[in-house]
């Protein structure tokens, strides 16, 4: 079991922007780590407090084949100076013999500043 991290940002607080960014991030994590729905134990989504137009968990649940993956959402701690308009994912998955250093974490858009060593 490995935790696979990812984050992205949006430019506006709308359901469409949140859904589009979440799906792009989730699909990148799935693709980069060769995941299928059956190996994903759960997905935790979080948003910064400035994103309240939609739940980012919703579009993940609606993706073909992922409707049975448990997805939960939380709000990030509102730390002064933290990256705004940010969506984060933690995908917990069975990745076989993949060692921790070979897990592909995905940072997109403005979230690349969070982990420049891992950003793609």
N, C-alpha and C. Protein backbone atom coordinates (compact mmCIF):
# COMPACT_ATOMS: atom_id res chain seq x y z
N UNK A 1 0.85 -1.18 0.00
CA UNK A 1 0.00 0.00 0.00
C UNK A 1 0.89 1.24 0.00
N UNK A 2 0.58 2.17 -0.87
CA UNK A 2 1.31 3.44 -0.94
C UNK A 2 0.31 4.58 -0.99
N UNK A 3 0.73 5.71 -0.43
CA UNK A 3 -0.02 6.94 -0.56
C UNK A 3 0.59 7.73 -1.71
N UNK A 4 -0.25 8.15 -2.63
CA UNK A 4 0.23 8.90 -3.79
C UNK A 4 -0.36 10.30 -3.70
N UNK A 5 0.52 11.29 -3.63
CA UNK A 5 0.09 12.67 -3.44
C UNK A 5 -0.07 13.38 -4.78
N UNK A 6 -0.89 14.41 -4.74
CA UNK A 6 -1.03 15.27 -5.90
C UNK A 6 -1.71 16.56 -5.50
N UNK A 7 -1.47 17.60 -6.29
CA UNK A 7 -2.11 18.89 -6.04
C UNK A 7 -2.19 19.67 -7.34
N UNK A 8 -3.16 20.55 -7.39
CA UNK A 8 -3.32 21.45 -8.52
C UNK A 8 -4.00 22.71 -8.03
N UNK A 9 -4.09 23.69 -8.88
CA UNK A 9 -4.79 24.92 -8.55
C UNK A 9 -5.81 25.25 -9.63
N UNK A 10 -6.75 26.10 -9.26
CA UNK A 10 -7.75 26.60 -10.20
C UNK A 10 -7.70 28.12 -10.17
N UNK A 11 -8.23 28.75 -11.21
CA UNK A 11 -8.21 30.21 -11.26
C UNK A 11 -9.53 30.83 -10.83
N UNK A 12 -10.57 29.99 -10.69
CA UNK A 12 -11.85 30.51 -10.23
C UNK A 12 -12.59 29.47 -9.39
N UNK A 13 -13.40 29.94 -8.48
CA UNK A 13 -14.16 29.10 -7.58
C UNK A 13 -15.52 28.77 -8.19
N UNK A 14 -15.50 27.87 -9.18
CA UNK A 14 -16.74 27.42 -9.82
C UNK A 14 -16.75 25.90 -9.83
N UNK A 15 -17.93 25.30 -9.86
CA UNK A 15 -17.98 23.85 -9.95
C UNK A 15 -17.21 23.32 -11.16
N UNK A 16 -17.36 23.98 -12.30
CA UNK A 16 -16.69 23.52 -13.52
C UNK A 16 -15.17 23.52 -13.36
N UNK A 17 -14.62 24.57 -12.81
CA UNK A 17 -13.17 24.66 -12.63
C UNK A 17 -12.68 23.60 -11.63
N UNK A 18 -13.41 23.43 -10.55
CA UNK A 18 -13.02 22.45 -9.53
C UNK A 18 -13.10 21.04 -10.09
N UNK A 19 -14.20 20.73 -10.79
CA UNK A 19 -14.36 19.39 -11.36
C UNK A 19 -13.29 19.10 -12.41
N UNK A 20 -13.06 20.04 -13.31
CA UNK A 20 -12.09 19.83 -14.38
C UNK A 20 -10.68 19.62 -13.83
N UNK A 21 -10.29 20.45 -12.87
CA UNK A 21 -8.95 20.33 -12.29
C UNK A 21 -8.80 19.03 -11.50
N UNK A 22 -9.83 18.65 -10.77
CA UNK A 22 -9.77 17.42 -9.98
C UNK A 22 -9.65 16.20 -10.88
N UNK A 23 -10.44 16.15 -11.92
CA UNK A 23 -10.38 15.01 -12.85
C UNK A 23 -9.01 14.94 -13.52
N UNK A 24 -8.49 16.08 -13.96
CA UNK A 24 -7.17 16.09 -14.61
C UNK A 24 -6.09 15.58 -13.65
N UNK A 25 -6.13 16.02 -12.41
CA UNK A 25 -5.15 15.58 -11.42
C UNK A 25 -5.30 14.09 -11.12
N UNK A 26 -6.52 13.66 -10.87
CA UNK A 26 -6.75 12.25 -10.55
C UNK A 26 -6.33 11.35 -11.71
N UNK A 27 -6.71 11.71 -12.93
CA UNK A 27 -6.34 10.90 -14.09
C UNK A 27 -4.83 10.86 -14.29
N UNK A 28 -4.14 11.96 -14.01
CA UNK A 28 -2.68 11.97 -14.11
C UNK A 28 -2.06 11.03 -13.08
N UNK A 29 -2.57 11.03 -11.86
CA UNK A 29 -2.07 10.12 -10.83
C UNK A 29 -2.31 8.67 -11.24
N UNK A 30 -3.51 8.38 -11.72
CA UNK A 30 -3.86 7.01 -12.15
C UNK A 30 -2.95 6.57 -13.30
N UNK A 31 -2.78 7.42 -14.29
CA UNK A 31 -1.96 7.08 -15.46
C UNK A 31 -0.50 6.91 -15.09
N UNK A 32 0.07 7.87 -14.38
CA UNK A 32 1.49 7.84 -14.04
C UNK A 32 1.87 6.65 -13.16
N UNK A 33 0.90 6.15 -12.39
CA UNK A 33 1.17 5.05 -11.47
C UNK A 33 0.54 3.73 -11.92
N UNK A 34 0.01 3.71 -13.14
CA UNK A 34 -0.59 2.49 -13.71
C UNK A 34 -1.63 1.87 -12.77
N UNK A 35 -2.55 2.69 -12.28
CA UNK A 35 -3.56 2.23 -11.34
C UNK A 35 -4.85 1.86 -12.06
N UNK A 36 -5.57 0.92 -11.46
CA UNK A 36 -6.91 0.57 -11.89
C UNK A 36 -7.83 0.79 -10.69
N UNK A 37 -9.13 0.90 -10.92
CA UNK A 37 -10.03 1.12 -9.78
C UNK A 37 -9.89 0.08 -8.67
N UNK A 38 -9.66 -1.18 -9.03
CA UNK A 38 -9.60 -2.24 -8.02
C UNK A 38 -8.41 -2.15 -7.08
N UNK A 39 -7.35 -1.44 -7.45
CA UNK A 39 -6.18 -1.36 -6.56
C UNK A 39 -6.22 -0.11 -5.68
N UNK A 40 -7.19 0.77 -5.93
CA UNK A 40 -7.29 1.99 -5.12
C UNK A 40 -8.17 1.71 -3.90
N UNK A 41 -7.57 1.87 -2.72
CA UNK A 41 -8.31 1.64 -1.47
C UNK A 41 -9.19 2.82 -1.11
N UNK A 42 -8.68 4.04 -1.31
CA UNK A 42 -9.44 5.24 -0.99
C UNK A 42 -8.75 6.46 -1.56
N UNK A 43 -9.52 7.54 -1.64
CA UNK A 43 -9.00 8.82 -2.10
C UNK A 43 -9.47 9.88 -1.12
N UNK A 44 -8.53 10.68 -0.63
CA UNK A 44 -8.84 11.81 0.23
C UNK A 44 -8.62 13.07 -0.60
N UNK A 45 -9.64 13.92 -0.66
CA UNK A 45 -9.51 15.20 -1.35
C UNK A 45 -9.52 16.30 -0.31
N UNK A 46 -8.78 17.37 -0.60
CA UNK A 46 -8.85 18.54 0.27
C UNK A 46 -8.81 19.78 -0.60
N UNK A 47 -9.39 20.84 -0.08
CA UNK A 47 -9.38 22.13 -0.76
C UNK A 47 -9.02 23.22 0.24
N UNK A 48 -8.49 24.30 -0.29
CA UNK A 48 -8.26 25.47 0.56
C UNK A 48 -9.61 26.15 0.79
N UNK A 49 -9.69 26.98 1.82
CA UNK A 49 -10.98 27.55 2.25
C UNK A 49 -11.60 28.48 1.21
N UNK A 50 -10.85 28.90 0.21
CA UNK A 50 -11.41 29.77 -0.83
C UNK A 50 -12.12 28.98 -1.93
N UNK A 51 -12.13 27.65 -1.83
CA UNK A 51 -12.84 26.81 -2.80
C UNK A 51 -14.04 26.16 -2.12
N UNK A 52 -15.21 26.70 -2.36
CA UNK A 52 -16.41 26.17 -1.73
C UNK A 52 -17.59 26.03 -2.69
N UNK A 53 -17.32 26.08 -3.99
CA UNK A 53 -18.39 26.00 -4.99
C UNK A 53 -18.82 24.57 -5.29
N UNK A 54 -17.95 23.59 -4.97
CA UNK A 54 -18.27 22.20 -5.29
C UNK A 54 -17.36 21.26 -4.50
N UNK A 55 -17.81 20.03 -4.37
CA UNK A 55 -17.00 18.99 -3.74
C UNK A 55 -16.10 18.35 -4.80
N UNK A 56 -14.78 18.34 -4.61
CA UNK A 56 -13.90 17.70 -5.60
C UNK A 56 -14.05 16.18 -5.64
N UNK A 57 -14.64 15.59 -4.62
CA UNK A 57 -14.84 14.14 -4.63
C UNK A 57 -15.86 13.71 -5.68
N UNK A 58 -16.82 14.57 -5.98
CA UNK A 58 -17.93 14.22 -6.88
C UNK A 58 -17.47 13.74 -8.26
N UNK A 59 -16.61 14.47 -8.96
CA UNK A 59 -16.25 14.00 -10.31
C UNK A 59 -15.42 12.72 -10.30
N UNK A 60 -14.70 12.45 -9.21
CA UNK A 60 -13.94 11.20 -9.12
C UNK A 60 -14.91 10.03 -9.04
N UNK A 61 -15.94 10.17 -8.21
CA UNK A 61 -16.95 9.11 -8.07
C UNK A 61 -17.70 8.85 -9.38
N UNK A 62 -17.79 9.87 -10.22
CA UNK A 62 -18.55 9.76 -11.46
C UNK A 62 -17.73 9.20 -12.63
N UNK A 63 -16.42 9.04 -12.45
CA UNK A 63 -15.60 8.48 -13.52
C UNK A 63 -15.93 7.00 -13.71
N UNK A 64 -15.99 6.58 -14.94
CA UNK A 64 -16.31 5.19 -15.27
C UNK A 64 -15.36 4.24 -14.54
N UNK A 65 -15.93 3.32 -13.78
CA UNK A 65 -15.14 2.31 -13.08
C UNK A 65 -14.73 2.69 -11.67
N UNK A 66 -14.87 3.96 -11.31
CA UNK A 66 -14.40 4.41 -10.00
C UNK A 66 -15.55 4.66 -9.01
N UNK A 67 -16.78 4.29 -9.37
CA UNK A 67 -17.92 4.60 -8.53
C UNK A 67 -17.89 3.89 -7.18
N UNK A 68 -17.12 2.81 -7.04
CA UNK A 68 -17.06 2.08 -5.78
C UNK A 68 -15.84 2.43 -4.94
N UNK A 69 -14.98 3.32 -5.44
CA UNK A 69 -13.80 3.74 -4.68
C UNK A 69 -14.26 4.75 -3.62
N UNK A 70 -13.95 4.51 -2.34
CA UNK A 70 -14.32 5.47 -1.31
C UNK A 70 -13.56 6.78 -1.49
N UNK A 71 -14.30 7.89 -1.55
CA UNK A 71 -13.70 9.21 -1.72
C UNK A 71 -14.27 10.12 -0.64
N UNK A 72 -13.39 10.87 0.00
CA UNK A 72 -13.81 11.76 1.08
C UNK A 72 -13.14 13.12 0.90
N UNK A 73 -13.81 14.17 1.33
CA UNK A 73 -13.26 15.51 1.21
C UNK A 73 -13.14 16.21 2.55
N UNK A 74 -12.09 17.04 2.65
CA UNK A 74 -11.85 17.84 3.85
C UNK A 74 -11.34 19.21 3.42
N UNK A 75 -11.32 20.14 4.37
CA UNK A 75 -10.77 21.46 4.11
C UNK A 75 -9.37 21.55 4.72
N UNK A 76 -8.47 22.17 3.98
CA UNK A 76 -7.10 22.38 4.47
C UNK A 76 -7.10 23.37 5.64
N UNK A 77 -6.09 23.27 6.47
CA UNK A 77 -5.90 24.23 7.55
C UNK A 77 -5.59 25.59 6.91
N UNK A 78 -6.28 26.66 7.30
CA UNK A 78 -6.06 27.97 6.67
C UNK A 78 -4.80 28.68 7.19
N UNK A 79 -3.65 28.24 6.74
CA UNK A 79 -2.38 28.80 7.17
C UNK A 79 -2.11 30.09 6.39
N UNK A 80 -1.75 31.14 7.08
CA UNK A 80 -1.44 32.41 6.44
C UNK A 80 -0.29 32.23 5.45
N UNK A 81 -0.50 32.72 4.24
CA UNK A 81 0.53 32.64 3.21
C UNK A 81 0.55 31.35 2.42
N UNK A 82 -0.34 30.42 2.74
CA UNK A 82 -0.39 29.15 2.01
C UNK A 82 -0.90 29.37 0.60
N UNK A 83 -0.60 28.43 -0.28
CA UNK A 83 -1.06 28.48 -1.66
C UNK A 83 -2.58 28.51 -1.72
N UNK A 84 -3.13 29.47 -2.43
CA UNK A 84 -4.57 29.63 -2.54
C UNK A 84 -5.14 28.81 -3.69
N UNK A 85 -6.46 28.63 -3.66
CA UNK A 85 -7.20 27.98 -4.75
C UNK A 85 -6.61 26.61 -5.09
N UNK A 86 -6.29 25.85 -4.06
CA UNK A 86 -5.56 24.60 -4.23
C UNK A 86 -6.42 23.38 -3.88
N UNK A 87 -6.34 22.38 -4.75
CA UNK A 87 -6.98 21.09 -4.56
C UNK A 87 -5.87 20.06 -4.37
N UNK A 88 -5.97 19.24 -3.32
CA UNK A 88 -4.99 18.20 -3.09
C UNK A 88 -5.67 16.84 -3.06
N UNK A 89 -4.94 15.82 -3.50
CA UNK A 89 -5.43 14.45 -3.44
C UNK A 89 -4.41 13.56 -2.75
N UNK A 90 -4.90 12.59 -2.00
CA UNK A 90 -4.08 11.51 -1.46
C UNK A 90 -4.77 10.22 -1.90
N UNK A 91 -4.15 9.53 -2.83
CA UNK A 91 -4.69 8.28 -3.35
C UNK A 91 -3.95 7.14 -2.67
N UNK A 92 -4.69 6.30 -1.96
CA UNK A 92 -4.10 5.14 -1.29
C UNK A 92 -4.35 3.92 -2.16
N UNK A 93 -3.25 3.26 -2.59
CA UNK A 93 -3.40 2.17 -3.55
C UNK A 93 -2.39 1.07 -3.33
N UNK A 94 -2.78 -0.14 -3.71
CA UNK A 94 -1.88 -1.29 -3.73
C UNK A 94 -1.07 -1.20 -5.01
N UNK A 95 0.22 -0.98 -4.88
CA UNK A 95 1.06 -0.79 -6.07
C UNK A 95 2.07 -1.91 -6.25
N UNK A 96 1.80 -3.05 -5.64
CA UNK A 96 2.69 -4.20 -5.80
C UNK A 96 4.04 -3.96 -5.17
N UNK A 97 5.08 -4.23 -5.91
CA UNK A 97 6.45 -4.14 -5.41
C UNK A 97 7.08 -2.77 -5.62
N UNK A 98 6.31 -1.77 -5.97
CA UNK A 98 6.85 -0.43 -6.20
C UNK A 98 7.34 0.14 -4.87
N UNK A 99 8.61 0.52 -4.83
CA UNK A 99 9.18 1.11 -3.61
C UNK A 99 8.77 2.58 -3.52
N UNK A 100 8.81 3.09 -2.32
CA UNK A 100 8.34 4.45 -2.04
C UNK A 100 8.93 5.49 -2.99
N UNK A 101 10.22 5.42 -3.26
CA UNK A 101 10.87 6.43 -4.09
C UNK A 101 10.43 6.37 -5.55
N UNK A 102 9.81 5.27 -5.96
CA UNK A 102 9.37 5.13 -7.35
C UNK A 102 7.91 5.47 -7.58
N UNK A 103 7.21 5.82 -6.51
CA UNK A 103 5.82 6.28 -6.65
C UNK A 103 5.86 7.64 -7.34
N UNK A 104 4.96 7.86 -8.29
CA UNK A 104 4.92 9.13 -9.03
C UNK A 104 3.85 10.03 -8.42
N UNK A 105 4.31 11.08 -7.73
CA UNK A 105 3.41 12.09 -7.19
C UNK A 105 3.24 13.16 -8.26
N UNK A 106 2.06 13.76 -8.33
CA UNK A 106 1.74 14.66 -9.44
C UNK A 106 1.36 16.05 -8.91
N UNK A 107 2.08 17.04 -9.37
CA UNK A 107 1.80 18.44 -9.02
C UNK A 107 1.62 19.22 -10.31
N UNK A 108 0.44 19.82 -10.48
CA UNK A 108 0.08 20.51 -11.71
C UNK A 108 -0.20 21.99 -11.45
N UNK A 109 -0.18 22.75 -12.51
CA UNK A 109 -0.53 24.18 -12.50
C UNK A 109 0.26 24.91 -11.42
N UNK A 110 -0.40 25.77 -10.66
CA UNK A 110 0.28 26.56 -9.64
C UNK A 110 0.79 25.75 -8.46
N UNK A 111 0.32 24.51 -8.32
CA UNK A 111 0.75 23.65 -7.21
C UNK A 111 2.16 23.11 -7.39
N UNK A 112 2.77 23.34 -8.55
CA UNK A 112 4.15 22.89 -8.76
C UNK A 112 5.10 23.52 -7.74
N UNK A 113 4.74 24.66 -7.19
CA UNK A 113 5.60 25.33 -6.21
C UNK A 113 5.64 24.58 -4.88
N UNK A 114 4.63 23.73 -4.63
CA UNK A 114 4.59 23.00 -3.37
C UNK A 114 5.71 21.97 -3.26
N UNK A 115 5.99 21.31 -4.35
CA UNK A 115 7.03 20.29 -4.38
C UNK A 115 7.75 20.34 -5.72
N UNK A 116 8.59 21.35 -5.92
CA UNK A 116 9.27 21.45 -7.21
C UNK A 116 10.14 20.24 -7.52
N UNK A 117 10.55 19.52 -6.49
CA UNK A 117 11.35 18.30 -6.70
C UNK A 117 10.51 17.18 -7.28
N UNK A 118 9.18 17.26 -7.17
CA UNK A 118 8.29 16.20 -7.66
C UNK A 118 7.41 16.66 -8.81
N UNK A 119 7.38 17.95 -9.10
CA UNK A 119 6.48 18.48 -10.13
C UNK A 119 6.84 17.95 -11.51
N UNK A 120 5.81 17.77 -12.32
CA UNK A 120 6.00 17.27 -13.69
C UNK A 120 5.82 18.38 -14.69
